[in-house]
Amino acid sequence: MKKHQKFVEKANTALTQWFSFQPNLWKEDEYYRTKLASRNFITHADLVICGYLSKSFPIGTTVCEPGCGYGQLSLLLASVGFRCVGVDSAGTRHMGSIFLKERLLPLVGEVDFVEGIFPEVLGGRYFDVSVIGNIVNSGWHKWVSENPISKALNADTILIDTRTFGIIRDTYEQRKVLIGSIEEVGYEGTQLSGDTYVFRKRKGE
């Protein structure tokens, strides 16, 4: 946390400013309201992912974050030299992520935010790394139910929160089924932290 203290403090301040301009949104968005109340906008999981990627990939690596919300992880990764694209279907959060990006300059580098349903909105674009965290909104849930999982795997290395990928999976057996379905289409999975797994594409597949 100390390494990123300045970034974390500015991110908390920027999101607070955003909500001060959007009082109705502040009342409705309990998820982020709770995060701000506990000064937990940048989570431990975000820092773990940032640390892992920083040790494992060179500066300039391309990273996609579907379901980025207000873009805090994409912004954090961009602050250490990754080239990031964050995707979210919620228009207010998309606008908020752009607001945060402007407020966090010059701490952040190359990061773009795209509004729409992943992965169609990216038009088949492929990345070095994809980080898929808490993404259970209705549009994404519908997409997952109608498409093969391989269409969502748009990178050679994918970090997935196996509990909140498309739907909530509260049991290990449910998460195990998801892990197996990803491994069946050419990836090898290992646990990174908690419910987050790293899936690496097997060579030649």
C-alpha atoms as a PDB file:
ATOM      1  CA  MET A   1       0.000   0.000   0.000  1.00  0.00           C
ATOM      2  CA  LYS A   2       2.803   2.459   0.882  1.00  0.00           C
ATOM      3  CA  LYS A   3       4.242   2.197  -2.625  1.00  0.00           C
ATOM      4  CA  HIS A   4       0.961   3.428  -4.083  1.00  0.00           C
ATOM      5  CA  GLN A   5      -0.103   5.694  -1.199  1.00  0.00           C
ATOM      6  CA  LYS A   6      -0.192   8.914  -3.231  1.00  0.00           C
ATOM      7  CA  PHE A   7      -2.222   7.269  -5.967  1.00  0.00           C
ATOM      8  CA  VAL A   8      -4.665   5.718  -3.472  1.00  0.00           C
ATOM      9  CA  GLU A   9      -5.217   9.032  -1.685  1.00  0.00           C
ATOM     10  CA  LYS A  10      -5.803  10.933  -4.940  1.00  0.00           C
ATOM     11  CA  ALA A  11      -8.154   8.225  -6.227  1.00  0.00           C
ATOM     12  CA  ASN A  12     -10.270   8.380  -3.060  1.00  0.00           C
ATOM     13  CA  THR A  13     -10.405  12.172  -3.295  1.00  0.00           C
ATOM     14  CA  ALA A  14     -11.301  12.110  -7.005  1.00  0.00           C
ATOM     15  CA  LEU A  15     -14.190   9.674  -6.519  1.00  0.00           C
ATOM     16  CA  THR A  16     -15.476  11.743  -3.601  1.00  0.00           C
ATOM     17  CA  GLN A  17     -15.444  14.804  -5.885  1.00  0.00           C
ATOM     18  CA  TRP A  18     -17.285  12.901  -8.601  1.00  0.00           C
ATOM     19  CA  PHE A  19     -20.060  11.905  -6.226  1.00  0.00           C
ATOM     20  CA  SER A  20     -20.306  15.469  -4.898  1.00  0.00           C
ATOM     21  CA  PHE A  21     -21.418  16.472  -8.412  1.00  0.00           C
ATOM     22  CA  GLN A  22     -23.832  13.513  -8.614  1.00  0.00           C
ATOM     23  CA  PRO A  23     -25.881  13.499  -5.353  1.00  0.00           C
ATOM     24  CA  ASN A  24     -28.577  11.163  -6.715  1.00  0.00           C
ATOM     25  CA  LEU A  25     -25.950   8.717  -7.924  1.00  0.00           C
ATOM     26  CA  TRP A  26     -24.309   8.834  -4.497  1.00  0.00           C
ATOM     27  CA  LYS A  27     -27.580   7.677  -2.922  1.00  0.00           C
ATOM     28  CA  GLU A  28     -28.038   4.864  -5.445  1.00  0.00           C
ATOM     29  CA  ASP A  29     -24.517   3.448  -5.685  1.00  0.00           C
ATOM     30  CA  GLU A  30     -24.225   1.568  -2.403  1.00  0.00           C
ATOM     31  CA  TYR A  31     -21.296  -0.554  -3.665  1.00  0.00           C
ATOM     32  CA  TYR A  32     -18.943   2.391  -4.147  1.00  0.00           C
ATOM     33  CA  ARG A  33     -20.443   4.403  -1.298  1.00  0.00           C
ATOM     34  CA  THR A  34     -19.374   1.588   1.034  1.00  0.00           C
ATOM     35  CA  LYS A  35     -15.917   1.502  -0.529  1.00  0.00           C
ATOM     36  CA  LEU A  36     -15.412   5.222   0.029  1.00  0.00           C
ATOM     37  CA  ALA A  37     -16.729   5.102   3.590  1.00  0.00           C
ATOM     38  CA  SER A  38     -14.035   2.552   4.449  1.00  0.00           C
ATOM     39  CA  ARG A  39     -11.396   4.312   2.305  1.00  0.00           C
ATOM     40  CA  ASN A  40     -11.269   1.042   0.368  1.00  0.00           C
ATOM     41  CA  PHE A  41     -11.760   2.321  -3.193  1.00  0.00           C
ATOM     42  CA  ILE A  42      -8.445   0.685  -4.134  1.00  0.00           C
ATOM     43  CA  THR A  43      -8.823  -2.797  -2.633  1.00  0.00           C
ATOM     44  CA  HIS A  44      -6.281  -5.300  -1.380  1.00  0.00           C
ATOM     45  CA  ALA A  45      -7.193  -7.461  -4.387  1.00  0.00           C
ATOM     46  CA  ASP A  46      -6.351  -4.554  -6.726  1.00  0.00           C
ATOM     47  CA  LEU A  47      -2.937  -4.194  -5.107  1.00  0.00           C
ATOM     48  CA  VAL A  48      -2.289  -7.959  -5.286  1.00  0.00           C
ATOM     49  CA  ILE A  49      -3.114  -7.977  -9.004  1.00  0.00           C
ATOM     50  CA  CYS A  50      -0.951  -4.913  -9.613  1.00  0.00           C
ATOM     51  CA  GLY A  51       1.947  -6.501  -7.747  1.00  0.00           C
ATOM     52  CA  TYR A  52       1.632  -9.779  -9.640  1.00  0.00           C
ATOM     53  CA  LEU A  53       1.485  -8.117 -13.056  1.00  0.00           C
ATOM     54  CA  SER A  54       4.356  -5.760 -12.233  1.00  0.00           C
ATOM     55  CA  LYS A  55       6.577  -8.733 -11.372  1.00  0.00           C
ATOM     56  CA  SER A  56       5.434 -10.891 -14.292  1.00  0.00           C
ATOM     57  CA  PHE A  57       5.109  -8.524 -17.273  1.00  0.00           C
ATOM     58  CA  PRO A  58       7.176  -5.692 -18.761  1.00  0.00           C
ATOM     59  CA  ILE A  59       6.163  -2.043 -18.929  1.00  0.00           C
ATOM     60  CA  GLY A  60       3.994  -1.459 -21.990  1.00  0.00           C
ATOM     61  CA  THR A  61       2.065  -4.721 -21.656  1.00  0.00           C
ATOM     62  CA  THR A  62      -1.519  -4.293 -22.897  1.00  0.00           C
ATOM     63  CA  VAL A  63      -4.219  -4.955 -20.287  1.00  0.00           C
ATOM     64  CA  CYS A  64      -7.999  -5.147 -20.720  1.00  0.00           C
ATOM     65  CA  GLU A  65     -10.355  -4.789 -17.740  1.00  0.00           C
ATOM     66  CA  PRO A  66     -13.981  -5.744 -18.507  1.00  0.00           C
ATOM     67  CA  GLY A  67     -16.451  -4.464 -15.923  1.00  0.00           C
ATOM     68  CA  CYS A  68     -14.019  -1.796 -14.769  1.00  0.00           C
ATOM     69  CA  GLY A  69     -16.573   0.294 -12.863  1.00  0.00           C
ATOM     70  CA  TYR A  70     -14.902   3.622 -12.124  1.00  0.00           C
ATOM     71  CA  GLY A  71     -11.649   2.307 -13.560  1.00  0.00           C
ATOM     72  CA  GLN A  72      -9.617   2.201 -10.374  1.00  0.00           C
ATOM     73  CA  LEU A  73      -7.659  -0.949 -11.265  1.00  0.00           C
ATOM     74  CA  SER A  74      -7.000   0.164 -14.850  1.00  0.00           C
ATOM     75  CA  LEU A  75      -5.807   3.522 -13.535  1.00  0.00           C
ATOM     76  CA  LEU A  76      -3.592   1.850 -10.940  1.00  0.00           C
ATOM     77  CA  LEU A  77      -2.030  -0.406 -13.580  1.00  0.00           C
ATOM     78  CA  ALA A  78      -1.526   2.536 -15.925  1.00  0.00           C
ATOM     79  CA  SER A  79       0.309   4.344 -13.120  1.00  0.00           C
ATOM     80  CA  VAL A  80       2.999   1.644 -13.178  1.00  0.00           C
ATOM     81  CA  GLY A  81       3.421   1.601 -16.950  1.00  0.00           C
ATOM     82  CA  PHE A  82       0.821  -0.761 -18.410  1.00  0.00           C
ATOM     83  CA  ARG A  83      -1.276   0.218 -21.432  1.00  0.00           C
ATOM     84  CA  CYS A  84      -4.857  -0.287 -20.278  1.00  0.00           C
ATOM     85  CA  VAL A  85      -8.388  -0.369 -21.674  1.00  0.00           C
ATOM     86  CA  GLY A  86     -11.290  -0.442 -19.228  1.00  0.00           C
ATOM     87  CA  VAL A  87     -14.777  -1.463 -20.357  1.00  0.00           C
ATOM     88  CA  ASP A  88     -18.076  -0.840 -18.564  1.00  0.00           C
ATOM     89  CA  SER A  89     -21.685  -0.877 -19.714  1.00  0.00           C
ATOM     90  CA  ALA A  90     -22.904   1.683 -17.158  1.00  0.00           C
ATOM     91  CA  GLY A  91     -22.824   5.159 -18.656  1.00  0.00           C
ATOM     92  CA  THR A  92     -22.476   7.000 -15.345  1.00  0.00           C
ATOM     93  CA  ARG A  93     -19.521   4.855 -14.283  1.00  0.00           C
ATOM     94  CA  HIS A  94     -17.942   5.282 -17.708  1.00  0.00           C
ATOM     95  CA  MET A  95     -18.170   9.064 -17.373  1.00  0.00           C
ATOM     96  CA  GLY A  96     -16.862   8.804 -13.813  1.00  0.00           C
ATOM     97  CA  SER A  97     -13.820   6.806 -14.927  1.00  0.00           C
ATOM     98  CA  ILE A  98     -12.940   9.546 -17.419  1.00  0.00           C
ATOM     99  CA  PHE A  99     -13.363  12.135 -14.655  1.00  0.00           C
ATOM    100  CA  LEU A 100     -11.014  10.155 -12.389  1.00  0.00           C
ATOM    101  CA  LYS A 101      -8.448   9.800 -15.167  1.00  0.00           C
ATOM    102  CA  GLU A 102      -8.358  13.573 -15.606  1.00  0.00           C
ATOM    103  CA  ARG A 103      -8.031  14.146 -11.857  1.00  0.00           C
ATOM    104  CA  LEU A 104      -5.232  11.573 -11.511  1.00  0.00           C
ATOM    105  CA  LEU A 105      -2.977  13.032 -14.185  1.00  0.00           C
ATOM    106  CA  PRO A 106       0.022  12.973 -14.312  1.00  0.00           C
ATOM    107  CA  LEU A 107       0.116   9.887 -12.039  1.00  0.00           C
ATOM    108  CA  VAL A 108      -1.478   7.672 -14.707  1.00  0.00           C
ATOM    109  CA  GLY A 109      -0.120   6.855 -18.139  1.00  0.00           C
ATOM    110  CA  GLU A 110      -1.852   5.259 -21.121  1.00  0.00           C
ATOM    111  CA  VAL A 111      -5.439   4.259 -20.295  1.00  0.00           C
ATOM    112  CA  ASP A 112      -8.664   4.424 -22.300  1.00  0.00           C
ATOM    113  CA  PHE A 113     -12.222   3.790 -21.171  1.00  0.00           C
ATOM    114  CA  VAL A 114     -14.880   2.286 -23.429  1.00  0.00           C
ATOM    115  CA  GLU A 115     -18.626   2.180 -22.780  1.00  0.00           C
ATOM    116  CA  GLY A 116     -20.474  -0.971 -23.866  1.00  0.00           C
ATOM    117  CA  ILE A 117     -20.955  -4.702 -23.398  1.00  0.00           C
ATOM    118  CA  PHE A 118     -17.745  -6.733 -23.356  1.00  0.00           C
ATOM    119  CA  PRO A 119     -16.449  -8.316 -25.548  1.00  0.00           C
ATOM    120  CA  GLU A 120     -18.478  -7.115 -28.565  1.00  0.00           C
ATOM    121  CA  VAL A 121     -17.677  -3.462 -27.973  1.00  0.00           C
ATOM    122  CA  LEU A 122     -13.953  -4.174 -28.496  1.00  0.00           C
ATOM    123  CA  GLY A 123     -14.485  -5.639 -31.953  1.00  0.00           C
ATOM    124  CA  GLY A 124     -12.284  -8.693 -31.448  1.00  0.00           C
ATOM    125  CA  ARG A 125      -9.281  -6.783 -30.085  1.00  0.00           C
ATOM    126  CA  TYR A 126      -6.725  -9.058 -28.401  1.00  0.00           C
ATOM    127  CA  PHE A 127      -4.570  -8.168 -25.366  1.00  0.00           C
ATOM    128  CA  ASP A 128      -1.536  -9.488 -23.526  1.00  0.00           C
ATOM    129  CA  VAL A 129      -3.525  -9.646 -20.271  1.00  0.00           C
ATOM    130  CA  SER A 130      -7.190  -9.447 -19.329  1.00  0.00           C
ATOM    131  CA  VAL A 131      -8.376  -8.865 -15.750  1.00  0.00           C
ATOM    132  CA  ILE A 132     -11.999  -9.828 -15.139  1.00  0.00           C
ATOM    133  CA  GLY A 133     -13.191  -9.038 -11.635  1.00  0.00           C
ATOM    134  CA  ASN A 134     -16.655  -8.329 -10.254  1.00  0.00           C
ATOM    135  CA  ILE A 135     -18.722  -8.424 -13.449  1.00  0.00           C
ATOM    136  CA  VAL A 136     -22.269  -9.618 -12.788  1.00  0.00           C
ATOM    137  CA  ASN A 137     -24.476  -6.899 -14.315  1.00  0.00           C
ATOM    138  CA  SER A 138     -27.581  -7.990 -16.246  1.00  0.00           C
ATOM    139  CA  GLY A 139     -26.141  -7.294 -19.701  1.00  0.00           C
ATOM    140  CA  TRP A 140     -23.015  -9.347 -19.062  1.00  0.00           C
ATOM    141  CA  HIS A 141     -25.014 -12.110 -17.356  1.00  0.00           C
ATOM    142  CA  LYS A 142     -27.178 -12.385 -20.479  1.00  0.00           C
ATOM    143  CA  TRP A 143     -24.115 -12.458 -22.746  1.00  0.00           C
ATOM    144  CA  VAL A 144     -22.454 -15.232 -20.712  1.00  0.00           C
ATOM    145  CA  SER A 145     -25.619 -17.333 -20.834  1.00  0.00           C
ATOM    146  CA  GLU A 146     -25.829 -17.048 -24.635  1.00  0.00           C
ATOM    147  CA  ASN A 147     -22.191 -17.404 -25.734  1.00  0.00           C
ATOM    148  CA  PRO A 148     -19.344 -19.915 -25.369  1.00  0.00           C
ATOM    149  CA  ILE A 149     -16.836 -18.893 -22.733  1.00  0.00           C
ATOM    150  CA  SER A 150     -14.027 -18.928 -25.303  1.00  0.00           C
ATOM    151  CA  LYS A 151     -15.420 -15.707 -26.835  1.00  0.00           C
ATOM    152  CA  ALA A 152     -14.703 -13.843 -23.582  1.00  0.00           C
ATOM    153  CA  LEU A 153     -11.078 -14.993 -23.363  1.00  0.00           C
ATOM    154  CA  ASN A 154      -9.370 -12.188 -25.253  1.00  0.00           C
ATOM    155  CA  ALA A 155      -5.796 -12.471 -23.950  1.00  0.00           C
ATOM    156  CA  ASP A 156      -2.895 -14.865 -23.502  1.00  0.00           C
ATOM    157  CA  THR A 157      -3.060 -14.399 -19.718  1.00  0.00           C
ATOM    158  CA  ILE A 158      -6.353 -13.863 -17.923  1.00  0.00           C
ATOM    159  CA  LEU A 159      -6.940 -13.075 -14.257  1.00  0.00           C
ATOM    160  CA  ILE A 160     -10.486 -13.996 -13.251  1.00  0.00           C
ATOM    161  CA  ASP A 161     -12.450 -13.621 -10.039  1.00  0.00           C
ATOM    162  CA  THR A 162     -14.048 -17.056 -10.266  1.00  0.00           C
ATOM    163  CA  ARG A 163     -16.788 -16.106  -7.795  1.00  0.00           C
ATOM    164  CA  THR A 164     -18.156 -13.150  -9.790  1.00  0.00           C
ATOM    165  CA  PHE A 165     -17.558 -14.083 -13.433  1.00  0.00           C
ATOM    166  CA  GLY A 166     -20.974 -13.498 -15.070  1.00  0.00           C
ATOM    167  CA  ILE A 167     -22.917 -14.893 -12.110  1.00  0.00           C
ATOM    168  CA  ILE A 168     -22.262 -15.297  -8.392  1.00  0.00           C
ATOM    169  CA  ARG A 169     -20.667 -18.676  -7.580  1.00  0.00           C
ATOM    170  CA  ASP A 170     -20.775 -19.091  -3.813  1.00  0.00           C
ATOM    171  CA  THR A 171     -19.578 -22.687  -3.663  1.00  0.00           C
ATOM    172  CA  TYR A 172     -16.211 -24.151  -4.578  1.00  0.00           C
ATOM    173  CA  GLU A 173     -17.957 -26.744  -6.768  1.00  0.00           C
ATOM    174  CA  GLN A 174     -19.498 -23.972  -8.860  1.00  0.00           C
ATOM    175  CA  ARG A 175     -16.142 -22.236  -9.226  1.00  0.00           C
ATOM    176  CA  LYS A 176     -14.474 -25.553 -10.067  1.00  0.00           C
ATOM    177  CA  VAL A 177     -16.874 -26.009 -13.009  1.00  0.00           C
ATOM    178  CA  LEU A 178     -15.913 -22.547 -14.321  1.00  0.00           C
ATOM    179  CA  ILE A 179     -12.197 -23.285 -13.930  1.00  0.00           C
ATOM    180  CA  GLY A 180     -12.627 -26.548 -15.811  1.00  0.00           C
ATOM    181  CA  SER A 181     -14.525 -24.884 -18.668  1.00  0.00           C
ATOM    182  CA  ILE A 182     -11.706 -22.349 -19.133  1.00  0.00           C
ATOM    183  CA  GLU A 183      -9.024 -25.026 -19.033  1.00  0.00           C
ATOM    184  CA  GLU A 184     -10.962 -27.037 -21.644  1.00  0.00           C
ATOM    185  CA  VAL A 185     -10.461 -24.262 -24.216  1.00  0.00           C
ATOM    186  CA  GLY A 186      -6.683 -24.136 -23.898  1.00  0.00           C
ATOM    187  CA  TYR A 187      -5.725 -22.416 -20.634  1.00  0.00           C
ATOM    188  CA  GLU A 188      -3.894 -23.591 -17.524  1.00  0.00           C
ATOM    189  CA  GLY A 189      -5.214 -22.182 -14.259  1.00  0.00           C
ATOM    190  CA  THR A 190      -3.421 -21.481 -10.976  1.00  0.00           C
ATOM    191  CA  GLN A 191      -4.727 -19.728  -7.865  1.00  0.00           C
ATOM    192  CA  LEU A 192      -3.348 -16.236  -7.292  1.00  0.00           C
ATOM    193  CA  SER A 193      -5.241 -15.082  -4.195  1.00  0.00           C
ATOM    194  CA  GLY A 194      -8.607 -16.062  -2.775  1.00  0.00           C
ATOM    195  CA  ASP A 195     -11.061 -16.636  -5.621  1.00  0.00           C
ATOM    196  CA  THR A 196      -8.793 -14.983  -8.203  1.00  0.00           C
ATOM    197  CA  TYR A 197      -7.092 -17.363 -10.626  1.00  0.00           C
ATOM    198  CA  VAL A 198      -4.472 -16.786 -13.308  1.00  0.00           C
ATOM    199  CA  PHE A 199      -5.152 -18.600 -16.573  1.00  0.00           C
ATOM    200  CA  ARG A 200      -2.298 -18.828 -19.089  1.00  0.00           C
ATOM    201  CA  LYS A 201      -2.854 -19.939 -22.653  1.00  0.00           C
ATOM    202  CA  ARG A 202      -1.069 -23.205 -23.378  1.00  0.00           C
ATOM    203  CA  LYS A 203       1.590 -22.996 -26.063  1.00  0.00           C
ATOM    204  CA  GLY A 204       0.377 -24.088 -29.449  1.00  0.00           C
ATOM    205  CA  GLU A 205      -3.324 -23.674 -28.620  1.00  0.00           C
END
